[in-house]
C-alpha cells in the first residue's frame, strides 16, 4: 500500500485489515463490512461519501508531495 493510501485510510478509519490493498479496504467499506470501522466522528457518514473523502485525502496527499518535490522542498 502506498504511503498516501495508508495516510488517507488512517485519517478516516480507526480500524481495517492492514493486510489488504487500499481498493480492497474501500470495497469492504462500501459493503459495510464490520472489519472496517470509521472514526467515531464519521460513523454516521454514508459509505459512499466516506470512500469519496478517503479518496480525496489520498489524492490531496499525493499532489502535495509531488508539488513539494517539484519545488525542491523535499529531497
Protein backbone atom coordinates (compact mmCIF):
# COMPACT_ATOMS: atom_id res chain seq x y z
CA UNK A 1 0.00 0.00 0.00
CA UNK A 2 1.33 3.43 -0.92
CA UNK A 3 2.02 5.98 1.82
CA UNK A 4 -0.74 8.23 0.50
CA UNK A 5 -3.23 5.37 0.67
CA UNK A 6 -2.28 4.38 4.21
CA UNK A 7 -2.33 8.02 5.30
CA UNK A 8 -5.82 8.59 3.94
CA UNK A 9 -7.23 5.37 5.41
CA UNK A 10 -5.73 6.22 8.80
CA UNK A 11 -7.25 9.70 8.68
CA UNK A 12 -10.79 8.36 8.25
CA UNK A 13 -10.76 4.84 9.69
CA UNK A 14 -10.00 3.64 13.19
CA UNK A 15 -9.64 0.00 12.15
CA UNK A 16 -9.27 -2.00 8.95
CA UNK A 17 -7.44 -5.18 7.87
CA UNK A 18 -3.92 -3.93 7.21
CA UNK A 19 -3.04 -6.92 5.02
CA UNK A 20 -5.47 -5.76 2.30
CA UNK A 21 -4.92 -3.30 -0.51
CA UNK A 22 -6.34 0.20 -0.45
CA UNK A 23 -9.00 -0.77 -3.00
CA UNK A 24 -9.96 -3.87 -1.03
CA UNK A 25 -10.45 -1.79 2.14
CA UNK A 26 -12.60 0.70 0.24
CA UNK A 27 -14.66 -2.16 -1.20
CA UNK A 28 -15.21 -3.59 2.28
CA UNK A 29 -16.25 -0.17 3.46
CA UNK A 30 -18.80 0.12 0.65
CA UNK A 31 -20.09 -3.36 1.53
CA UNK A 32 -20.44 -2.17 5.14
CA UNK A 33 -18.18 -4.99 6.32
CA UNK A 34 -17.70 -4.98 10.11
CA UNK A 35 -13.91 -5.36 9.78
CA UNK A 36 -13.68 -1.73 8.64
CA UNK A 37 -14.54 0.94 11.23
CA UNK A 38 -14.66 4.68 10.71
CA UNK A 39 -13.51 7.05 13.40
CA UNK A 40 -16.37 7.92 15.75
CA UNK A 41 -16.87 11.35 14.15
CA UNK A 42 -17.52 9.73 10.77
CA UNK A 43 -19.56 6.68 11.80
CA UNK A 44 -22.86 8.11 10.53
CA UNK A 45 -21.43 9.19 7.18
CA UNK A 46 -22.79 7.12 4.27
CA UNK A 47 -20.15 4.65 3.00
CA UNK A 48 -20.03 6.17 -0.49
CA UNK A 49 -19.34 9.61 0.98
CA UNK A 50 -16.72 8.21 3.32
CA UNK A 51 -14.91 6.46 0.45
CA UNK A 52 -15.07 9.66 -1.59
CA UNK A 53 -13.49 11.59 1.30
CA UNK A 54 -10.81 8.94 1.72
CA UNK A 55 -10.03 9.15 -1.99
CA UNK A 56 -9.92 12.97 -1.87
CA UNK A 57 -7.49 12.81 1.06
CA UNK A 58 -5.28 10.33 -0.82
CA UNK A 59 -5.27 12.49 -3.93
CA UNK A 60 -4.53 15.68 -1.99
CA UNK A 61 -1.65 13.98 -0.14
CA UNK A 62 -0.11 12.79 -3.42
CA UNK A 63 -0.47 16.15 -5.15
CA UNK A 64 1.01 17.98 -2.17
CA UNK A 65 4.05 15.71 -2.05
CA UNK A 66 4.58 15.96 -5.83
CA UNK A 67 4.34 19.76 -5.63
CA UNK A 68 6.79 19.89 -2.74
CA UNK A 69 9.27 17.69 -4.63
CA UNK A 70 8.99 19.86 -7.75
CA UNK A 71 9.69 22.97 -5.67
CA UNK A 72 12.71 21.28 -4.06
CA UNK A 73 11.13 21.34 -0.61
CA UNK A 74 11.65 17.58 -0.22
CA UNK A 75 14.69 15.52 -1.01
